[in-house]
C-alpha cells in the first residue's frame, strides 16, 4: 500500500501506529540539516533516538555491525557518492530496514529511481512538518509514502529492478561512470544492463532509449 498525501491539511487521527521508532539512522552530510531533522523527529515523538552519519560507508558499517535500526532516512547526494549505493552495499547482507529518501531533488525521475532501488518512501527536504509526521506514520504501519504526482511503475515493464535503476539514472543524464558509482557496479555490468534495456526497447542509443521508455510509461 502506498500513501500519497497533500502537503497541507489537518493530520488524520492514527491511534494504532508503530510510533515511536526505537532508533533511526539518518544519513546526511549537511550537519545543520541533519541535526535539525533529528531534533524535529524526536520533538514530535516519532523516534526515541536518532544516529547521524555522513556517508554510505559509515551507514553500511552501522547497519551491518549494530543492526538495531528500524528505519533509515537517506539523503541522495552525499559528497561525491550517491545515497542509492547503500542498497547495493547492503544487498549481500541481511534485509535492510525500511529506507526513506530525503532529498532536495524531488523531480519525477529522482523519485522513480528511489522506488526502483527499493526505497519505502520519499520526502522532499522542502516538505512541511505535517508531511514528515504523515510519512513516519505510514512507514511505521508498513506502508509506502511517495509524492502523489508520481504514479507507480508499470507492472508490465519487462525489466529487472536493477535495470530500472540504471534506466532511471540514464534518464537523469548520468554517464556510465557515474551510474557505476551510484549503484556500486562495474562498468561491464552497467554496459550489460544497458544492452539488455536497449534490446527490450528496440533502440540503438541512449536518447532513443529514454524517449521510448517515457512514451511507454517506464519513466
C-alpha atoms as a PDB file:
ATOM      1  CA  UNK A   1       0.000   0.000   0.000  1.00  0.00           C
ATOM      2  CA  UNK A   2       1.292   3.439  -0.942  1.00  0.00           C
ATOM      3  CA  UNK A   3       0.220   6.557   0.936  1.00  0.00           C
ATOM      4  CA  UNK A   4       0.148   9.757  -1.098  1.00  0.00           C
ATOM      5  CA  UNK A   5      -0.941  12.862   0.747  1.00  0.00           C
ATOM      6  CA  UNK A   6      -1.162  16.597   0.013  1.00  0.00           C
ATOM      7  CA  UNK A   7       1.308  18.914   1.669  1.00  0.00           C
ATOM      8  CA  UNK A   8      -1.332  20.800   3.650  1.00  0.00           C
ATOM      9  CA  UNK A   9      -4.300  19.977   5.818  1.00  0.00           C
ATOM     10  CA  UNK A  10      -5.004  18.608   9.272  1.00  0.00           C
ATOM     11  CA  UNK A  11      -3.262  15.454  10.321  1.00  0.00           C
ATOM     12  CA  UNK A  12      -5.555  12.406  10.399  1.00  0.00           C
ATOM     13  CA  UNK A  13      -6.100  10.562  13.643  1.00  0.00           C
ATOM     14  CA  UNK A  14      -3.874   7.479  13.815  1.00  0.00           C
ATOM     15  CA  UNK A  15      -4.136   5.882  17.257  1.00  0.00           C
ATOM     16  CA  UNK A  16      -2.701   2.480  16.279  1.00  0.00           C
ATOM     17  CA  UNK A  17       0.710   3.235  14.785  1.00  0.00           C
ATOM     18  CA  UNK A  18       4.117   1.718  15.359  1.00  0.00           C
ATOM     19  CA  UNK A  19       5.455   5.021  16.627  1.00  0.00           C
ATOM     20  CA  UNK A  20       7.794   5.955  18.036  1.00  0.00           C
ATOM     21  CA  UNK A  21      10.577   4.144  16.192  1.00  0.00           C
ATOM     22  CA  UNK A  22      13.169   2.908  18.657  1.00  0.00           C
ATOM     23  CA  UNK A  23      16.182   4.082  16.672  1.00  0.00           C
ATOM     24  CA  UNK A  24      16.567   5.785  13.305  1.00  0.00           C
ATOM     25  CA  UNK A  25      19.719   6.025  11.205  1.00  0.00           C
ATOM     26  CA  UNK A  26      19.937   9.412   9.461  1.00  0.00           C
ATOM     27  CA  UNK A  27      22.441   9.559   6.595  1.00  0.00           C
ATOM     28  CA  UNK A  28      23.165  13.141   5.532  1.00  0.00           C
ATOM     29  CA  UNK A  29      26.382  15.109   5.121  1.00  0.00           C
ATOM     30  CA  UNK A  30      24.807  18.516   5.818  1.00  0.00           C
ATOM     31  CA  UNK A  31      25.348  18.790   9.564  1.00  0.00           C
ATOM     32  CA  UNK A  32      22.901  21.604  10.328  1.00  0.00           C
ATOM     33  CA  UNK A  33      20.092  19.971   8.346  1.00  0.00           C
ATOM     34  CA  UNK A  34      20.748  16.571   9.908  1.00  0.00           C
ATOM     35  CA  UNK A  35      20.789  17.965  13.437  1.00  0.00           C
ATOM     36  CA  UNK A  36      17.628  19.971  12.773  1.00  0.00           C
ATOM     37  CA  UNK A  37      15.766  16.978  11.343  1.00  0.00           C
ATOM     38  CA  UNK A  38      16.937  14.780  14.207  1.00  0.00           C
ATOM     39  CA  UNK A  39      15.663  17.302  16.736  1.00  0.00           C
ATOM     40  CA  UNK A  40      12.322  17.629  14.956  1.00  0.00           C
ATOM     41  CA  UNK A  41      11.822  13.863  14.751  1.00  0.00           C
ATOM     42  CA  UNK A  42      12.404  13.493  18.486  1.00  0.00           C
ATOM     43  CA  UNK A  43      10.413  16.617  19.362  1.00  0.00           C
ATOM     44  CA  UNK A  44       7.405  15.174  17.531  1.00  0.00           C
ATOM     45  CA  UNK A  45       7.769  11.877  19.385  1.00  0.00           C
ATOM     46  CA  UNK A  46       8.498   9.968  16.172  1.00  0.00           C
ATOM     47  CA  UNK A  47      11.652   8.245  17.408  1.00  0.00           C
ATOM     48  CA  UNK A  48      13.339   7.542  20.707  1.00  0.00           C
ATOM     49  CA  UNK A  49      16.798   8.207  19.284  1.00  0.00           C
ATOM     50  CA  UNK A  50      18.476   9.214  16.027  1.00  0.00           C
ATOM     51  CA  UNK A  51      22.018   8.303  14.982  1.00  0.00           C
ATOM     52  CA  UNK A  52      23.565  10.616  12.372  1.00  0.00           C
ATOM     53  CA  UNK A  53      26.268   9.571   9.898  1.00  0.00           C
ATOM     54  CA  UNK A  54      27.528  11.413   6.838  1.00  0.00           C
ATOM     55  CA  UNK A  55      28.455   8.702   4.322  1.00  0.00           C
ATOM     56  CA  UNK A  56      27.222   5.466   2.783  1.00  0.00           C
ATOM     57  CA  UNK A  57      30.288   3.688   4.153  1.00  0.00           C
ATOM     58  CA  UNK A  58      29.504   4.784   7.711  1.00  0.00           C
ATOM     59  CA  UNK A  59      25.841   3.875   7.249  1.00  0.00           C
ATOM     60  CA  UNK A  60      26.762   0.406   5.984  1.00  0.00           C
ATOM     61  CA  UNK A  61      29.054  -0.122   8.963  1.00  0.00           C
ATOM     62  CA  UNK A  62      26.277   0.855  11.389  1.00  0.00           C
ATOM     63  CA  UNK A  63      23.697  -1.367   9.715  1.00  0.00           C
ATOM     64  CA  UNK A  64      25.987  -4.391   9.478  1.00  0.00           C
ATOM     65  CA  UNK A  65      27.558  -4.258  12.930  1.00  0.00           C
ATOM     66  CA  UNK A  66      24.905  -2.644  15.123  1.00  0.00           C
ATOM     67  CA  UNK A  67      21.697  -3.937  13.492  1.00  0.00           C
ATOM     68  CA  UNK A  68      19.269  -2.241  15.888  1.00  0.00           C
ATOM     69  CA  UNK A  69      17.897   0.370  13.474  1.00  0.00           C
ATOM     70  CA  UNK A  70      14.282   0.101  12.364  1.00  0.00           C
ATOM     71  CA  UNK A  71      14.318   2.970   9.834  1.00  0.00           C
ATOM     72  CA  UNK A  72      16.888   4.698   7.618  1.00  0.00           C
ATOM     73  CA  UNK A  73      16.472   8.289   6.407  1.00  0.00           C
ATOM     74  CA  UNK A  74      18.853   8.654   3.467  1.00  0.00           C
ATOM     75  CA  UNK A  75      19.995  11.696   1.504  1.00  0.00           C
ATOM     76  CA  UNK A  76      20.627  11.068  -2.200  1.00  0.00           C
ATOM     77  CA  UNK A  77      23.687  13.289  -2.585  1.00  0.00           C
ATOM     78  CA  UNK A  78      26.463  12.621  -0.079  1.00  0.00           C
ATOM     79  CA  UNK A  79      29.575  14.493  -1.085  1.00  0.00           C
ATOM     80  CA  UNK A  80      30.862  12.628  -4.123  1.00  0.00           C
ATOM     81  CA  UNK A  81      28.761   9.496  -3.669  1.00  0.00           C
ATOM     82  CA  UNK A  82      25.132   8.630  -4.346  1.00  0.00           C
ATOM     83  CA  UNK A  83      22.945   7.586  -1.446  1.00  0.00           C
ATOM     84  CA  UNK A  84      21.293   4.890  -3.560  1.00  0.00           C
ATOM     85  CA  UNK A  85      24.537   2.902  -3.484  1.00  0.00           C
ATOM     86  CA  UNK A  86      23.564   1.890   0.060  1.00  0.00           C
ATOM     87  CA  UNK A  87      21.068  -0.580  -1.422  1.00  0.00           C
ATOM     88  CA  UNK A  88      23.793  -2.297  -3.442  1.00  0.00           C
ATOM     89  CA  UNK A  89      26.191  -2.401  -0.484  1.00  0.00           C
ATOM     90  CA  UNK A  90      23.553  -3.955   1.774  1.00  0.00           C
ATOM     91  CA  UNK A  91      22.280  -6.459  -0.799  1.00  0.00           C
ATOM     92  CA  UNK A  92      24.811  -9.070   0.359  1.00  0.00           C
ATOM     93  CA  UNK A  93      23.761  -8.715   3.998  1.00  0.00           C
ATOM     94  CA  UNK A  94      20.563  -9.312   5.898  1.00  0.00           C
ATOM     95  CA  UNK A  95      17.393  -7.495   4.973  1.00  0.00           C
ATOM     96  CA  UNK A  96      17.725  -3.714   5.034  1.00  0.00           C
ATOM     97  CA  UNK A  97      15.249  -1.884   7.293  1.00  0.00           C
ATOM     98  CA  UNK A  98      12.801   0.467   5.549  1.00  0.00           C
ATOM     99  CA  UNK A  99      14.639   3.301   3.793  1.00  0.00           C
ATOM    100  CA  UNK A 100      13.073   6.696   3.116  1.00  0.00           C
ATOM    101  CA  UNK A 101      14.876   9.041   0.742  1.00  0.00           C
ATOM    102  CA  UNK A 102      15.150  12.631   1.998  1.00  0.00           C
ATOM    103  CA  UNK A 103      16.256  14.799  -0.917  1.00  0.00           C
ATOM    104  CA  UNK A 104      16.360  18.364  -2.177  1.00  0.00           C
ATOM    105  CA  UNK A 105      15.648  16.983  -5.673  1.00  0.00           C
ATOM    106  CA  UNK A 106      12.070  15.748  -5.944  1.00  0.00           C
ATOM    107  CA  UNK A 107      11.552  15.565  -9.723  1.00  0.00           C
ATOM    108  CA  UNK A 108       9.754  12.533 -11.108  1.00  0.00           C
ATOM    109  CA  UNK A 109      12.886  10.776 -12.392  1.00  0.00           C
ATOM    110  CA  UNK A 110      14.564  11.070  -8.986  1.00  0.00           C
ATOM    111  CA  UNK A 111      11.531   9.655  -7.189  1.00  0.00           C
ATOM    112  CA  UNK A 112      11.260   6.792  -9.684  1.00  0.00           C
ATOM    113  CA  UNK A 113      14.947   5.975  -9.231  1.00  0.00           C
ATOM    114  CA  UNK A 114      14.408   5.798  -5.479  1.00  0.00           C
ATOM    115  CA  UNK A 115      11.415   3.492  -5.893  1.00  0.00           C
ATOM    116  CA  UNK A 116      13.277   1.271  -8.341  1.00  0.00           C
ATOM    117  CA  UNK A 117      16.193   0.974  -5.906  1.00  0.00           C
ATOM    118  CA  UNK A 118      13.865  -0.303  -3.187  1.00  0.00           C
ATOM    119  CA  UNK A 119      13.061   2.765  -1.084  1.00  0.00           C
ATOM    120  CA  UNK A 120       9.930   2.574   1.059  1.00  0.00           C
ATOM    121  CA  UNK A 121       9.277   6.292   0.816  1.00  0.00           C
ATOM    122  CA  UNK A 122      10.404   9.670  -0.460  1.00  0.00           C
ATOM    123  CA  UNK A 123      10.192  13.065   1.223  1.00  0.00           C
ATOM    124  CA  UNK A 124      11.464  16.341  -0.197  1.00  0.00           C
ATOM    125  CA  UNK A 125      13.672  18.423   2.085  1.00  0.00           C
ATOM    126  CA  UNK A 126      11.246  21.280   1.456  1.00  0.00           C
ATOM    127  CA  UNK A 127       8.319  19.259   2.879  1.00  0.00           C
ATOM    128  CA  UNK A 128       6.295  20.516   5.831  1.00  0.00           C
ATOM    129  CA  UNK A 129       6.420  19.245   9.398  1.00  0.00           C
ATOM    130  CA  UNK A 130       2.958  17.734   8.847  1.00  0.00           C
ATOM    131  CA  UNK A 131       4.250  15.782   5.836  1.00  0.00           C
ATOM    132  CA  UNK A 132       7.129  14.431   7.900  1.00  0.00           C
ATOM    133  CA  UNK A 133       4.681  13.170  10.527  1.00  0.00           C
ATOM    134  CA  UNK A 134       2.423  11.604   7.888  1.00  0.00           C
ATOM    135  CA  UNK A 135       5.378   9.883   6.270  1.00  0.00           C
ATOM    136  CA  UNK A 136       6.616   8.467   9.572  1.00  0.00           C
ATOM    137  CA  UNK A 137       3.129   7.216  10.448  1.00  0.00           C
ATOM    138  CA  UNK A 138       2.788   5.499   7.076  1.00  0.00           C
ATOM    139  CA  UNK A 139       6.186   3.799   7.274  1.00  0.00           C
ATOM    140  CA  UNK A 140       5.574   2.683  10.871  1.00  0.00           C
ATOM    141  CA  UNK A 141       2.431   0.897   9.651  1.00  0.00           C
ATOM    142  CA  UNK A 142       4.310  -0.946   6.909  1.00  0.00           C
ATOM    143  CA  UNK A 143       3.062   1.310   4.118  1.00  0.00           C
ATOM    144  CA  UNK A 144       4.967   3.248   1.470  1.00  0.00           C
ATOM    145  CA  UNK A 145       4.987   7.032   1.151  1.00  0.00           C
ATOM    146  CA  UNK A 146       5.651   8.812  -2.144  1.00  0.00           C
ATOM    147  CA  UNK A 147       4.636  12.124  -3.760  1.00  0.00           C
ATOM    148  CA  UNK A 148       1.068  11.927  -5.056  1.00  0.00           C
ATOM    149  CA  UNK A 149       2.008  13.111  -8.551  1.00  0.00           C
ATOM    150  CA  UNK A 150       4.300  10.157  -9.231  1.00  0.00           C
ATOM    151  CA  UNK A 151       2.428   7.109 -10.430  1.00  0.00           C
ATOM    152  CA  UNK A 152       3.635   3.607  -9.527  1.00  0.00           C
ATOM    153  CA  UNK A 153       5.919   1.905 -12.007  1.00  0.00           C
ATOM    154  CA  UNK A 154       4.043  -0.017 -14.680  1.00  0.00           C
ATOM    155  CA  UNK A 155       3.745  -3.647 -13.584  1.00  0.00           C
ATOM    156  CA  UNK A 156       4.154  -4.713 -17.228  1.00  0.00           C
ATOM    157  CA  UNK A 157       7.679  -3.311 -17.540  1.00  0.00           C
ATOM    158  CA  UNK A 158       9.858  -6.312 -18.556  1.00  0.00           C
ATOM    159  CA  UNK A 159      12.961  -5.070 -16.741  1.00  0.00           C
ATOM    160  CA  UNK A 160      14.612  -6.198 -13.532  1.00  0.00           C
ATOM    161  CA  UNK A 161      14.719  -3.802 -10.546  1.00  0.00           C
ATOM    162  CA  UNK A 162      18.425  -3.182 -11.233  1.00  0.00           C
ATOM    163  CA  UNK A 163      17.728  -2.403 -14.901  1.00  0.00           C
ATOM    164  CA  UNK A 164      15.043   0.061 -13.814  1.00  0.00           C
ATOM    165  CA  UNK A 165      17.592   1.762 -11.557  1.00  0.00           C
ATOM    166  CA  UNK A 166      20.026   2.052 -14.470  1.00  0.00           C
ATOM    167  CA  UNK A 167      17.267   3.358 -16.742  1.00  0.00           C
ATOM    168  CA  UNK A 168      16.201   5.977 -14.195  1.00  0.00           C
ATOM    169  CA  UNK A 169      19.761   7.256 -13.801  1.00  0.00           C
ATOM    170  CA  UNK A 170      20.231   7.212 -17.573  1.00  0.00           C
ATOM    171  CA  UNK A 171      17.149   9.425 -17.893  1.00  0.00           C
ATOM    172  CA  UNK A 172      18.769  11.895 -15.489  1.00  0.00           C
ATOM    173  CA  UNK A 173      21.738  12.195 -17.845  1.00  0.00           C
ATOM    174  CA  UNK A 174      24.196  10.133 -15.807  1.00  0.00           C
ATOM    175  CA  UNK A 175      27.200   8.863 -17.836  1.00  0.00           C
ATOM    176  CA  UNK A 176      28.231   5.239 -17.351  1.00  0.00           C
ATOM    177  CA  UNK A 177      30.952   6.106 -14.851  1.00  0.00           C
ATOM    178  CA  UNK A 178      28.522   7.933 -12.584  1.00  0.00           C
ATOM    179  CA  UNK A 179      25.953   5.124 -12.862  1.00  0.00           C
ATOM    180  CA  UNK A 180      28.709   2.737 -11.762  1.00  0.00           C
ATOM    181  CA  UNK A 181      29.483   4.906  -8.739  1.00  0.00           C
ATOM    182  CA  UNK A 182      25.831   5.445  -7.826  1.00  0.00           C
ATOM    183  CA  UNK A 183      24.890   1.764  -7.909  1.00  0.00           C
ATOM    184  CA  UNK A 184      28.277   0.312  -6.910  1.00  0.00           C
ATOM    185  CA  UNK A 185      28.530  -1.645 -10.164  1.00  0.00           C
ATOM    186  CA  UNK A 186      31.391  -2.336 -12.552  1.00  0.00           C
ATOM    187  CA  UNK A 187      31.391  -0.635 -15.936  1.00  0.00           C
ATOM    188  CA  UNK A 188      30.993  -4.030 -17.608  1.00  0.00           C
ATOM    189  CA  UNK A 189      27.843  -4.720 -15.570  1.00  0.00           C
ATOM    190  CA  UNK A 190      26.358  -1.322 -16.411  1.00  0.00           C
ATOM    191  CA  UNK A 191      27.038  -1.890 -20.111  1.00  0.00           C
ATOM    192  CA  UNK A 192      25.378  -5.309 -19.867  1.00  0.00           C
ATOM    193  CA  UNK A 193      22.273  -3.763 -18.286  1.00  0.00           C
ATOM    194  CA  UNK A 194      22.158  -1.030 -20.932  1.00  0.00           C
ATOM    195  CA  UNK A 195      22.440  -3.610 -23.703  1.00  0.00           C
ATOM    196  CA  UNK A 196      19.506  -5.546 -22.219  1.00  0.00           C
ATOM    197  CA  UNK A 197      17.420  -2.370 -21.873  1.00  0.00           C
ATOM    198  CA  UNK A 198      18.185  -1.297 -25.453  1.00  0.00           C
ATOM    199  CA  UNK A 199      17.206  -4.763 -26.652  1.00  0.00           C
ATOM    200  CA  UNK A 200      13.883  -4.704 -24.808  1.00  0.00           C
ATOM    201  CA  UNK A 201      13.070  -1.299 -26.280  1.00  0.00           C
ATOM    202  CA  UNK A 202      14.447  -1.982 -29.752  1.00  0.00           C
ATOM    203  CA  UNK A 203      16.627   1.137 -29.696  1.00  0.00           C
ATOM    204  CA  UNK A 204      20.254   1.846 -30.531  1.00  0.00           C
ATOM    205  CA  UNK A 205      21.335   4.794 -28.393  1.00  0.00           C
ATOM    206  CA  UNK A 206      20.739   6.483 -25.049  1.00  0.00           C
ATOM    207  CA  UNK A 207      18.498   9.267 -26.369  1.00  0.00           C
ATOM    208  CA  UNK A 208      16.205   6.841 -28.185  1.00  0.00           C
ATOM    209  CA  UNK A 209      16.145   4.672 -25.075  1.00  0.00           C
ATOM    210  CA  UNK A 210      14.996   7.447 -22.741  1.00  0.00           C
ATOM    211  CA  UNK A 211      12.459   8.847 -25.212  1.00  0.00           C
ATOM    212  CA  UNK A 212      10.857   5.468 -25.883  1.00  0.00           C
ATOM    213  CA  UNK A 213      10.855   4.493 -22.206  1.00  0.00           C
ATOM    214  CA  UNK A 214       8.965   7.695 -21.415  1.00  0.00           C
ATOM    215  CA  UNK A 215       6.445   7.073 -24.199  1.00  0.00           C
ATOM    216  CA  UNK A 216       5.805   3.598 -22.809  1.00  0.00           C
ATOM    217  CA  UNK A 217       5.393   4.889 -19.272  1.00  0.00           C
ATOM    218  CA  UNK A 218       8.506   3.166 -17.969  1.00  0.00           C
ATOM    219  CA  UNK A 219       9.803   6.507 -16.673  1.00  0.00           C
END
